[in-house]
C-alpha cells in the first residue's frame, strides 16, 4: 500500500462527509477499500492539510463516538467546538451521538 495514494483516497472520502455528520475511522477505511486500515486513516488525518486543504478531519471520530485525544488542529475541545458549530449533538463531554449524527453512505 503506497501511503500517498492511500492518504489521498482517505482525504477524498472525508471531503464527502456532509456538514453536521461524522464518520468513523473504520468506516473511512472500508470506503477506501482497506477495511483493516482504520489506524492508517488516523495517520492520514494527523497528516492532513485540514480545512485549509478542504479536508474536514474534525468529522472523523472513533466507533463509539469519542473524539480524537490528540486532535491535530487544537485538541478534542477544538474538535468538539467545530462539530457543535455544525449542529453535531453529543451524549456527554466527549462522545458524539452516533445514532443521530453518523454519516450513512448510500451505496
PDB file of N, CA and C in Angstrom:
ATOM      1  N   UNK A   1       0.848  -1.190   0.000  1.00  0.00           N
ATOM      2  CA  UNK A   1       0.000   0.000   0.000  1.00  0.00           C
ATOM      3  C   UNK A   1       0.889   1.247   0.000  1.00  0.00           C
ATOM      4  N   UNK A   2       0.772   2.061  -1.014  1.00  0.00           N
ATOM      5  CA  UNK A   2       1.516   3.314  -1.077  1.00  0.00           C
ATOM      6  C   UNK A   2       0.817   4.335  -0.190  1.00  0.00           C
ATOM      7  N   UNK A   3       1.555   4.885   0.764  1.00  0.00           N
ATOM      8  CA  UNK A   3       0.961   5.805   1.727  1.00  0.00           C
ATOM      9  C   UNK A   3       0.337   7.016   1.052  1.00  0.00           C
ATOM     10  N   UNK A   4       1.031   7.628   0.107  1.00  0.00           N
ATOM     11  CA  UNK A   4       0.496   8.823  -0.557  1.00  0.00           C
ATOM     12  C   UNK A   4      -0.846   8.545  -1.199  1.00  0.00           C
ATOM     13  N   UNK A   5      -0.953   7.455  -1.955  1.00  0.00           N
ATOM     14  CA  UNK A   5      -2.207   7.114  -2.614  1.00  0.00           C
ATOM     15  C   UNK A   5      -3.314   6.825  -1.623  1.00  0.00           C
ATOM     16  N   UNK A   6      -2.971   6.095  -0.555  1.00  0.00           N
ATOM     17  CA  UNK A   6      -3.945   5.789   0.484  1.00  0.00           C
ATOM     18  C   UNK A   6      -4.427   7.076   1.152  1.00  0.00           C
ATOM     19  N   UNK A   7      -3.511   7.927   1.554  1.00  0.00           N
ATOM     20  CA  UNK A   7      -3.889   9.184   2.213  1.00  0.00           C
ATOM     21  C   UNK A   7      -4.800  10.002   1.308  1.00  0.00           C
ATOM     22  N   UNK A   8      -4.482  10.097   0.029  1.00  0.00           N
ATOM     23  CA  UNK A   8      -5.306  10.887  -0.891  1.00  0.00           C
ATOM     24  C   UNK A   8      -6.712  10.303  -1.001  1.00  0.00           C
ATOM     25  N   UNK A   9      -6.819   8.979  -1.051  1.00  0.00           N
ATOM     26  CA  UNK A   9      -8.144   8.345  -1.105  1.00  0.00           C
ATOM     27  C   UNK A   9      -8.924   8.629   0.179  1.00  0.00           C
ATOM     28  N   UNK A  10      -8.228   8.609   1.316  1.00  0.00           N
ATOM     29  CA  UNK A  10      -8.868   8.941   2.593  1.00  0.00           C
ATOM     30  C   UNK A  10      -9.367  10.381   2.558  1.00  0.00           C
ATOM     31  N   UNK A  11      -8.528  11.305   2.115  1.00  0.00           N
ATOM     32  CA  UNK A  11      -8.932  12.712   2.058  1.00  0.00           C
ATOM     33  C   UNK A  11     -10.141  12.889   1.150  1.00  0.00           C
ATOM     34  N   UNK A  12     -10.167  12.174   0.039  1.00  0.00           N
ATOM     35  CA  UNK A  12     -11.293  12.279  -0.891  1.00  0.00           C
ATOM     36  C   UNK A  12     -12.593  11.841  -0.228  1.00  0.00           C
ATOM     37  N   UNK A  13     -12.552  10.759   0.549  1.00  0.00           N
ATOM     38  CA  UNK A  13     -13.746  10.295   1.260  1.00  0.00           C
ATOM     39  C   UNK A  13     -14.159  11.306   2.320  1.00  0.00           C
ATOM     40  N   UNK A  14     -13.212  11.772   3.116  1.00  0.00           N
ATOM     41  CA  UNK A  14     -13.543  12.694   4.211  1.00  0.00           C
ATOM     42  C   UNK A  14     -14.107  14.008   3.665  1.00  0.00           C
ATOM     43  N   UNK A  15     -13.663  14.428   2.504  1.00  0.00           N
ATOM     44  CA  UNK A  15     -14.221  15.639   1.878  1.00  0.00           C
ATOM     45  C   UNK A  15     -15.703  15.484   1.550  1.00  0.00           C
ATOM     46  N   UNK A  16     -16.166  14.247   1.410  1.00  0.00           N
ATOM     47  CA  UNK A  16     -17.568  13.990   1.072  1.00  0.00           C
ATOM     48  C   UNK A  16     -18.500  13.982   2.286  1.00  0.00           C
ATOM     49  N   UNK A  17     -17.943  13.913   3.489  1.00  0.00           N
ATOM     50  CA  UNK A  17     -18.771  13.858   4.701  1.00  0.00           C
ATOM     51  C   UNK A  17     -19.496  15.191   4.848  1.00  0.00           C
ATOM     52  N   UNK A  18     -20.829  15.162   4.866  1.00  0.00           N
ATOM     53  CA  UNK A  18     -21.580  16.411   4.943  1.00  0.00           C
ATOM     54  C   UNK A  18     -21.437  17.121   6.292  1.00  0.00           C
ATOM     55  N   UNK A  19     -21.584  18.414   6.251  1.00  0.00           N
ATOM     56  CA  UNK A  19     -21.585  19.218   7.474  1.00  0.00           C
ATOM     57  C   UNK A  19     -22.681  18.679   8.394  1.00  0.00           C
ATOM     58  N   UNK A  20     -22.364  18.583   9.680  1.00  0.00           N
ATOM     59  CA  UNK A  20     -23.330  18.096  10.656  1.00  0.00           C
ATOM     60  C   UNK A  20     -23.349  16.587  10.801  1.00  0.00           C
ATOM     61  N   UNK A  21     -22.437  15.911  10.109  1.00  0.00           N
ATOM     62  CA  UNK A  21     -22.325  14.453  10.187  1.00  0.00           C
ATOM     63  C   UNK A  21     -20.907  14.072  10.558  1.00  0.00           C
ATOM     64  N   UNK A  22     -20.757  12.869  11.111  1.00  0.00           N
ATOM     65  CA  UNK A  22     -19.436  12.336  11.427  1.00  0.00           C
ATOM     66  C   UNK A  22     -19.307  10.964  10.796  1.00  0.00           C
ATOM     67  N   UNK A  23     -18.073  10.522  10.681  1.00  0.00           N
ATOM     68  CA  UNK A  23     -17.745   9.217  10.122  1.00  0.00           C
ATOM     69  C   UNK A  23     -16.674   8.611  11.019  1.00  0.00           C
ATOM     70  N   UNK A  24     -16.613   7.290  11.083  1.00  0.00           N
ATOM     71  CA  UNK A  24     -15.606   6.657  11.923  1.00  0.00           C
ATOM     72  C   UNK A  24     -14.354   6.348  11.109  1.00  0.00           C
ATOM     73  N   UNK A  25     -13.258   6.152  11.823  1.00  0.00           N
ATOM     74  CA  UNK A  25     -12.008   5.772  11.165  1.00  0.00           C
ATOM     75  C   UNK A  25     -12.205   4.467  10.382  1.00  0.00           C
ATOM     76  N   UNK A  26     -12.894   3.511  10.987  1.00  0.00           N
ATOM     77  CA  UNK A  26     -13.135   2.237  10.331  1.00  0.00           C
ATOM     78  C   UNK A  26     -14.033   2.367   9.120  1.00  0.00           C
ATOM     79  N   UNK A  27     -15.009   3.245   9.211  1.00  0.00           N
ATOM     80  CA  UNK A  27     -15.915   3.480   8.090  1.00  0.00           C
ATOM     81  C   UNK A  27     -15.138   4.054   6.904  1.00  0.00           C
ATOM     82  N   UNK A  28     -14.252   5.015   7.179  1.00  0.00           N
ATOM     83  CA  UNK A  28     -13.437   5.586   6.106  1.00  0.00           C
ATOM     84  C   UNK A  28     -12.550   4.506   5.502  1.00  0.00           C
ATOM     85  N   UNK A  29     -11.936   3.686   6.342  1.00  0.00           N
ATOM     86  CA  UNK A  29     -11.073   2.619   5.842  1.00  0.00           C
ATOM     87  C   UNK A  29     -11.854   1.694   4.906  1.00  0.00           C
ATOM     88  N   UNK A  30     -13.050   1.323   5.310  1.00  0.00           N
ATOM     89  CA  UNK A  30     -13.872   0.456   4.464  1.00  0.00           C
ATOM     90  C   UNK A  30     -14.233   1.145   3.150  1.00  0.00           C
ATOM     91  N   UNK A  31     -14.534   2.426   3.206  1.00  0.00           N
ATOM     92  CA  UNK A  31     -14.924   3.160   2.000  1.00  0.00           C
ATOM     93  C   UNK A  31     -13.784   3.305   0.998  1.00  0.00           C
ATOM     94  N   UNK A  32     -12.544   3.255   1.469  1.00  0.00           N
ATOM     95  CA  UNK A  32     -11.411   3.323   0.537  1.00  0.00           C
ATOM     96  C   UNK A  32     -10.939   1.920   0.144  1.00  0.00           C
ATOM     97  N   UNK A  33     -11.685   0.894   0.562  1.00  0.00           N
ATOM     98  CA  UNK A  33     -11.353  -0.469   0.172  1.00  0.00           C
ATOM     99  C   UNK A  33     -10.281  -1.130   1.008  1.00  0.00           C
ATOM    100  N   UNK A  34     -10.011  -0.574   2.189  1.00  0.00           N
ATOM    101  CA  UNK A  34      -8.989  -1.124   3.089  1.00  0.00           C
ATOM    102  C   UNK A  34      -9.590  -1.267   4.495  1.00  0.00           C
ATOM    103  N   UNK A  35     -10.574  -2.158   4.663  1.00  0.00           N
ATOM    104  CA  UNK A  35     -11.325  -2.214   5.922  1.00  0.00           C
ATOM    105  C   UNK A  35     -10.513  -2.501   7.179  1.00  0.00           C
ATOM    106  N   UNK A  36      -9.302  -2.995   7.039  1.00  0.00           N
ATOM    107  CA  UNK A  36      -8.477  -3.295   8.211  1.00  0.00           C
ATOM    108  C   UNK A  36      -7.444  -2.197   8.480  1.00  0.00           C
ATOM    109  N   UNK A  37      -7.621  -1.048   7.886  1.00  0.00           N
ATOM    110  CA  UNK A  37      -6.627   0.028   7.979  1.00  0.00           C
ATOM    111  C   UNK A  37      -7.149   1.269   8.713  1.00  0.00           C
ATOM    112  N   UNK A  38      -8.020   1.092   9.695  1.00  0.00           N
ATOM    113  CA  UNK A  38      -8.562   2.239  10.435  1.00  0.00           C
ATOM    114  C   UNK A  38      -7.457   3.065  11.088  1.00  0.00           C
ATOM    115  N   UNK A  39      -6.443   2.382  11.618  1.00  0.00           N
ATOM    116  CA  UNK A  39      -5.335   3.103  12.259  1.00  0.00           C
ATOM    117  C   UNK A  39      -4.604   3.989  11.246  1.00  0.00           C
ATOM    118  N   UNK A  40      -4.491   3.508  10.006  1.00  0.00           N
ATOM    119  CA  UNK A  40      -3.836   4.295   8.961  1.00  0.00           C
ATOM    120  C   UNK A  40      -4.672   5.507   8.574  1.00  0.00           C
ATOM    121  N   UNK A  41      -5.994   5.391   8.697  1.00  0.00           N
ATOM    122  CA  UNK A  41      -6.863   6.557   8.482  1.00  0.00           C
ATOM    123  C   UNK A  41      -6.502   7.619   9.520  1.00  0.00           C
ATOM    124  N   UNK A  42      -6.253   7.190  10.744  1.00  0.00           N
ATOM    125  CA  UNK A  42      -5.829   8.124  11.788  1.00  0.00           C
ATOM    126  C   UNK A  42      -4.525   8.813  11.432  1.00  0.00           C
ATOM    127  N   UNK A  43      -3.579   8.055  10.887  1.00  0.00           N
ATOM    128  CA  UNK A  43      -2.314   8.658  10.458  1.00  0.00           C
ATOM    129  C   UNK A  43      -2.571   9.688   9.355  1.00  0.00           C
ATOM    130  N   UNK A  44      -3.467   9.343   8.438  1.00  0.00           N
ATOM    131  CA  UNK A  44      -3.799  10.273   7.349  1.00  0.00           C
ATOM    132  C   UNK A  44      -4.429  11.549   7.899  1.00  0.00           C
ATOM    133  N   UNK A  45      -5.321  11.401   8.878  1.00  0.00           N
ATOM    134  CA  UNK A  45      -5.969  12.586   9.448  1.00  0.00           C
ATOM    135  C   UNK A  45      -4.944  13.461  10.157  1.00  0.00           C
ATOM    136  N   UNK A  46      -4.001  12.834  10.852  1.00  0.00           N
ATOM    137  CA  UNK A  46      -2.973  13.598  11.558  1.00  0.00           C
ATOM    138  C   UNK A  46      -2.084  14.365  10.573  1.00  0.00           C
ATOM    139  N   UNK A  47      -1.899  13.814   9.382  1.00  0.00           N
ATOM    140  CA  UNK A  47      -1.043  14.436   8.365  1.00  0.00           C
ATOM    141  C   UNK A  47      -1.811  15.321   7.395  1.00  0.00           C
ATOM    142  N   UNK A  48      -3.111  15.396   7.538  1.00  0.00           N
ATOM    143  CA  UNK A  48      -3.935  16.096   6.544  1.00  0.00           C
ATOM    144  C   UNK A  48      -3.709  17.603   6.589  1.00  0.00           C
ATOM    145  N   UNK A  49      -4.033  18.268   5.488  1.00  0.00           N
ATOM    146  CA  UNK A  49      -3.939  19.729   5.465  1.00  0.00           C
ATOM    147  C   UNK A  49      -5.072  20.398   6.233  1.00  0.00           C
ATOM    148  N   UNK A  50      -6.022  19.620   6.726  1.00  0.00           N
ATOM    149  CA  UNK A  50      -7.139  20.182   7.477  1.00  0.00           C
ATOM    150  C   UNK A  50      -8.066  20.983   6.580  1.00  0.00           C
ATOM    151  N   UNK A  51      -8.831  21.852   7.203  1.00  0.00           N
ATOM    152  CA  UNK A  51      -9.817  22.628   6.451  1.00  0.00           C
ATOM    153  C   UNK A  51      -9.170  23.532   5.418  1.00  0.00           C
ATOM    154  N   UNK A  52      -7.946  23.969   5.662  1.00  0.00           N
ATOM    155  CA  UNK A  52      -7.274  24.815   4.667  1.00  0.00           C
ATOM    156  C   UNK A  52      -7.065  24.051   3.365  1.00  0.00           C
ATOM    157  N   UNK A  53      -7.007  22.725   3.456  1.00  0.00           N
ATOM    158  CA  UNK A  53      -6.878  21.876   2.276  1.00  0.00           C
ATOM    159  C   UNK A  53      -8.199  21.211   1.914  1.00  0.00           C
ATOM    160  N   UNK A  54      -9.280  21.671   2.533  1.00  0.00           N
ATOM    161  CA  UNK A  54     -10.599  21.133   2.231  1.00  0.00           C
ATOM    162  C   UNK A  54     -10.881  19.778   2.833  1.00  0.00           C
ATOM    163  N   UNK A  55     -10.125  19.380   3.850  1.00  0.00           N
ATOM    164  CA  UNK A  55     -10.322  18.075   4.490  1.00  0.00           C
ATOM    165  C   UNK A  55     -10.890  18.307   5.901  1.00  0.00           C
ATOM    166  N   UNK A  56     -12.192  18.105   6.071  1.00  0.00           N
ATOM    167  CA  UNK A  56     -12.802  18.343   7.390  1.00  0.00           C
ATOM    168  C   UNK A  56     -12.540  17.188   8.353  1.00  0.00           C
ATOM    169  N   UNK A  57     -11.264  17.030   8.726  1.00  0.00           N
ATOM    170  CA  UNK A  57     -10.877  15.876   9.540  1.00  0.00           C
ATOM    171  C   UNK A  57     -11.514  15.892  10.923  1.00  0.00           C
ATOM    172  N   UNK A  58     -12.053  17.020  11.357  1.00  0.00           N
ATOM    173  CA  UNK A  58     -12.746  17.057  12.648  1.00  0.00           C
ATOM    174  C   UNK A  58     -14.006  16.189  12.625  1.00  0.00           C
ATOM    175  N   UNK A  59     -14.474  15.800  11.444  1.00  0.00           N
ATOM    176  CA  UNK A  59     -15.677  14.970  11.319  1.00  0.00           C
ATOM    177  C   UNK A  59     -15.388  13.481  11.453  1.00  0.00           C
ATOM    178  N   UNK A  60     -14.144  13.108  11.698  1.00  0.00           N
ATOM    179  CA  UNK A  60     -13.776  11.692  11.855  1.00  0.00           C
ATOM    180  C   UNK A  60     -13.606  11.405  13.341  1.00  0.00           C
ATOM    181  N   UNK A  61     -14.347  10.407  13.819  1.00  0.00           N
ATOM    182  CA  UNK A  61     -14.352  10.052  15.243  1.00  0.00           C
ATOM    183  C   UNK A  61     -14.190   8.545  15.398  1.00  0.00           C
ATOM    184  N   UNK A  62     -14.016   8.105  16.641  1.00  0.00           N
ATOM    185  CA  UNK A  62     -13.929   6.673  16.916  1.00  0.00           C
ATOM    186  C   UNK A  62     -15.313   6.024  16.819  1.00  0.00           C
ATOM    187  N   UNK A  63     -15.342   4.708  16.705  1.00  0.00           N
ATOM    188  CA  UNK A  63     -16.583   3.952  16.522  1.00  0.00           C
ATOM    189  C   UNK A  63     -17.613   4.244  17.615  1.00  0.00           C
ATOM    190  N   UNK A  64     -17.142   4.465  18.839  1.00  0.00           N
ATOM    191  CA  UNK A  64     -18.064   4.744  19.946  1.00  0.00           C
ATOM    192  C   UNK A  64     -18.458   6.215  20.030  1.00  0.00           C
ATOM    193  N   UNK A  65     -18.018   7.007  19.050  1.00  0.00           N
ATOM    194  CA  UNK A  65     -18.355   8.424  19.029  1.00  0.00           C
ATOM    195  C   UNK A  65     -17.386   9.310  19.770  1.00  0.00           C
ATOM    196  N   UNK A  66     -16.349   8.710  20.361  1.00  0.00           N
ATOM    197  CA  UNK A  66     -15.402   9.534  21.116  1.00  0.00           C
ATOM    198  C   UNK A  66     -14.506  10.326  20.170  1.00  0.00           C
ATOM    199  N   UNK A  67     -14.030  11.434  20.693  1.00  0.00           N
ATOM    200  CA  UNK A  67     -13.192  12.347  19.919  1.00  0.00           C
ATOM    201  C   UNK A  67     -11.737  11.913  19.982  1.00  0.00           C
ATOM    202  N   UNK A  68     -10.978  12.358  19.015  1.00  0.00           N
ATOM    203  CA  UNK A  68      -9.552  12.027  18.972  1.00  0.00           C
ATOM    204  C   UNK A  68      -8.834  12.756  20.104  1.00  0.00           C
ATOM    205  N   UNK A  69      -8.136  12.021  20.972  1.00  0.00           N
ATOM    206  CA  UNK A  69      -7.481  12.671  22.106  1.00  0.00           C
ATOM    207  C   UNK A  69      -6.399  13.660  21.695  1.00  0.00           C
ATOM    208  N   UNK A  70      -5.763  13.432  20.580  1.00  0.00           N
ATOM    209  CA  UNK A  70      -4.702  14.332  20.131  1.00  0.00           C
ATOM    210  C   UNK A  70      -5.084  15.063  18.869  1.00  0.00           C
ATOM    211  N   UNK A  71      -6.347  15.453  18.736  1.00  0.00           N
ATOM    212  CA  UNK A  71      -6.812  16.115  17.517  1.00  0.00           C
ATOM    213  C   UNK A  71      -5.772  17.122  17.058  1.00  0.00           C
ATOM    214  N   UNK A  72      -5.267  16.920  15.853  1.00  0.00           N
ATOM    215  CA  UNK A  72      -4.096  17.641  15.345  1.00  0.00           C
ATOM    216  C   UNK A  72      -4.292  19.142  15.212  1.00  0.00           C
ATOM    217  N   UNK A  73      -5.518  19.596  15.211  1.00  0.00           N
ATOM    218  CA  UNK A  73      -5.750  21.013  14.936  1.00  0.00           C
ATOM    219  C   UNK A  73      -6.296  21.751  16.146  1.00  0.00           C
ATOM    220  N   UNK A  74      -5.839  21.360  17.333  1.00  0.00           N
ATOM    221  CA  UNK A  74      -6.246  22.103  18.518  1.00  0.00           C
ATOM    222  C   UNK A  74      -6.774  21.263  19.659  1.00  0.00           C
ATOM    223  N   UNK A  75      -6.716  19.961  19.572  1.00  0.00           N
ATOM    224  CA  UNK A  75      -7.159  19.102  20.658  1.00  0.00           C
ATOM    225  C   UNK A  75      -8.639  18.794  20.607  1.00  0.00           C
ATOM    226  N   UNK A  76      -9.100  17.882  21.494  1.00  0.00           N
ATOM    227  CA  UNK A  76     -10.500  17.449  21.460  1.00  0.00           C
ATOM    228  C   UNK A  76     -11.494  18.574  21.741  1.00  0.00           C
ATOM    229  N   UNK A  77     -11.097  19.580  22.518  1.00  0.00           N
ATOM    230  CA  UNK A  77     -12.023  20.693  22.768  1.00  0.00           C
ATOM    231  C   UNK A  77     -12.315  21.452  21.481  1.00  0.00           C
ATOM    232  N   UNK A  78     -11.285  21.635  20.663  1.00  0.00           N
ATOM    233  CA  UNK A  78     -11.480  22.316  19.379  1.00  0.00           C
ATOM    234  C   UNK A  78     -12.291  21.437  18.432  1.00  0.00           C
ATOM    235  N   UNK A  79     -12.044  20.127  18.439  1.00  0.00           N
ATOM    236  CA  UNK A  79     -12.825  19.231  17.591  1.00  0.00           C
ATOM    237  C   UNK A  79     -14.299  19.312  17.986  1.00  0.00           C
ATOM    238  N   UNK A  80     -14.564  19.285  19.273  1.00  0.00           N
ATOM    239  CA  UNK A  80     -15.954  19.384  19.744  1.00  0.00           C
ATOM    240  C   UNK A  80     -16.569  20.714  19.335  1.00  0.00           C
ATOM    241  N   UNK A  81     -15.823  21.799  19.485  1.00  0.00           N
ATOM    242  CA  UNK A  81     -16.344  23.121  19.115  1.00  0.00           C
ATOM    243  C   UNK A  81     -16.718  23.160  17.633  1.00  0.00           C
ATOM    244  N   UNK A  82     -15.839  22.626  16.788  1.00  0.00           N
ATOM    245  CA  UNK A  82     -16.109  22.607  15.348  1.00  0.00           C
ATOM    246  C   UNK A  82     -17.343  21.772  15.023  1.00  0.00           C
ATOM    247  N   UNK A  83     -17.463  20.618  15.665  1.00  0.00           N
ATOM    248  CA  UNK A  83     -18.616  19.753  15.409  1.00  0.00           C
ATOM    249  C   UNK A  83     -19.910  20.390  15.901  1.00  0.00           C
ATOM    250  N   UNK A  84     -19.885  20.964  17.096  1.00  0.00           N
ATOM    251  CA  UNK A  84     -21.094  21.617  17.622  1.00  0.00           C
ATOM    252  C   UNK A  84     -21.524  22.778  16.737  1.00  0.00           C
ATOM    253  N   UNK A  85     -20.566  23.511  16.183  1.00  0.00           N
ATOM    254  CA  UNK A  85     -20.879  24.627  15.285  1.00  0.00           C
ATOM    255  C   UNK A  85     -21.610  24.144  14.031  1.00  0.00           C
ATOM    256  N   UNK A  86     -21.424  22.864  13.690  1.00  0.00           N
ATOM    257  CA  UNK A  86     -22.092  22.278  12.528  1.00  0.00           C
ATOM    258  C   UNK A  86     -23.410  21.603  12.905  1.00  0.00           C
ATOM    259  N   UNK A  87     -23.751  21.604  14.204  1.00  0.00           N
ATOM    260  CA  UNK A  87     -25.006  21.005  14.644  1.00  0.00           C
ATOM    261  C   UNK A  87     -24.897  19.577  15.123  1.00  0.00           C
ATOM    262  N   UNK A  88     -23.689  19.054  15.258  1.00  0.00           N
ATOM    263  CA  UNK A  88     -23.494  17.696  15.766  1.00  0.00           C
ATOM    264  C   UNK A  88     -23.835  17.686  17.253  1.00  0.00           C
ATOM    265  N   UNK A  89     -24.609  16.694  17.657  1.00  0.00           N
ATOM    266  CA  UNK A  89     -25.010  16.596  19.057  1.00  0.00           C
ATOM    267  C   UNK A  89     -24.140  15.572  19.793  1.00  0.00           C
ATOM    268  N   UNK A  90     -24.040  15.758  21.101  1.00  0.00           N
ATOM    269  CA  UNK A  90     -23.189  14.925  21.943  1.00  0.00           C
ATOM    270  C   UNK A  90     -24.009  14.257  23.034  1.00  0.00           C
ATOM    271  N   UNK A  91     -23.568  13.064  23.423  1.00  0.00           N
ATOM    272  CA  UNK A  91     -24.188  12.338  24.532  1.00  0.00           C
ATOM    273  C   UNK A  91     -23.614  12.790  25.865  1.00  0.00           C
ATOM    274  N   UNK A  92     -22.332  13.182  25.841  1.00  0.00           N
ATOM    275  CA  UNK A  92     -21.640  13.685  27.023  1.00  0.00           C
ATOM    276  C   UNK A  92     -20.503  14.572  26.536  1.00  0.00           C
ATOM    277  N   UNK A  93     -19.548  14.887  27.395  1.00  0.00           N
ATOM    278  CA  UNK A  93     -18.473  15.809  27.020  1.00  0.00           C
ATOM    279  C   UNK A  93     -17.607  15.337  25.863  1.00  0.00           C
ATOM    280  N   UNK A  94     -17.522  14.034  25.658  1.00  0.00           N
ATOM    281  CA  UNK A  94     -16.563  13.561  24.658  1.00  0.00           C
ATOM    282  C   UNK A  94     -17.091  12.520  23.678  1.00  0.00           C
ATOM    283  N   UNK A  95     -18.415  12.309  23.635  1.00  0.00           N
ATOM    284  CA  UNK A  95     -18.976  11.312  22.731  1.00  0.00           C
ATOM    285  C   UNK A  95     -20.093  11.898  21.873  1.00  0.00           C
ATOM    286  N   UNK A  96     -19.897  11.804  20.561  1.00  0.00           N
ATOM    287  CA  UNK A  96     -20.917  12.233  19.608  1.00  0.00           C
ATOM    288  C   UNK A  96     -22.102  11.267  19.692  1.00  0.00           C
ATOM    289  N   UNK A  97     -23.290  11.775  19.494  1.00  0.00           N
ATOM    290  CA  UNK A  97     -24.486  10.944  19.407  1.00  0.00           C
ATOM    291  C   UNK A  97     -24.474  10.290  18.024  1.00  0.00           C
ATOM    292  N   UNK A  98     -23.877   9.111  17.940  1.00  0.00           N
ATOM    293  CA  UNK A  98     -23.696   8.428  16.659  1.00  0.00           C
ATOM    294  C   UNK A  98     -25.029   8.056  16.011  1.00  0.00           C
ATOM    295  N   UNK A  99     -26.038   7.737  16.813  1.00  0.00           N
ATOM    296  CA  UNK A  99     -27.321   7.357  16.235  1.00  0.00           C
ATOM    297  C   UNK A  99     -27.970   8.531  15.507  1.00  0.00           C
ATOM    298  N   UNK A 100     -27.638   9.729  15.906  1.00  0.00           N
ATOM    299  CA  UNK A 100     -28.210  10.917  15.261  1.00  0.00           C
ATOM    300  C   UNK A 100     -27.301  11.537  14.211  1.00  0.00           C
ATOM    301  N   UNK A 101     -25.989  11.341  14.328  1.00  0.00           N
ATOM    302  CA  UNK A 101     -25.051  12.121  13.520  1.00  0.00           C
ATOM    303  C   UNK A 101     -24.109  11.340  12.604  1.00  0.00           C
ATOM    304  N   UNK A 102     -24.139  10.009  12.672  1.00  0.00           N
ATOM    305  CA  UNK A 102     -23.212   9.256  11.815  1.00  0.00           C
ATOM    306  C   UNK A 102     -23.668   9.335  10.365  1.00  0.00           C
ATOM    307  N   UNK A 103     -22.707   9.569   9.498  1.00  0.00           N
ATOM    308  CA  UNK A 103     -22.967   9.635   8.057  1.00  0.00           C
ATOM    309  C   UNK A 103     -23.248   8.234   7.548  1.00  0.00           C
ATOM    310  N   UNK A 104     -24.401   8.067   6.972  1.00  0.00           N
ATOM    311  CA  UNK A 104     -24.763   6.787   6.377  1.00  0.00           C
ATOM    312  C   UNK A 104     -24.617   6.917   4.880  1.00  0.00           C
ATOM    313  N   UNK A 105     -23.644   6.251   4.346  1.00  0.00           N
ATOM    314  CA  UNK A 105     -23.351   6.319   2.915  1.00  0.00           C
ATOM    315  C   UNK A 105     -24.310   5.403   2.173  1.00  0.00           C
ATOM    316  N   UNK A 106     -24.940   5.943   1.163  1.00  0.00           N
ATOM    317  CA  UNK A 106     -25.831   5.138   0.333  1.00  0.00           C
ATOM    318  C   UNK A 106     -25.023   4.522  -0.796  1.00  0.00           C
ATOM    319  N   UNK A 107     -25.078   3.226  -0.917  1.00  0.00           N
ATOM    320  CA  UNK A 107     -24.325   2.541  -1.971  1.00  0.00           C
ATOM    321  C   UNK A 107     -25.057   2.587  -3.291  1.00  0.00           C
TER     322      UNK A 107
END
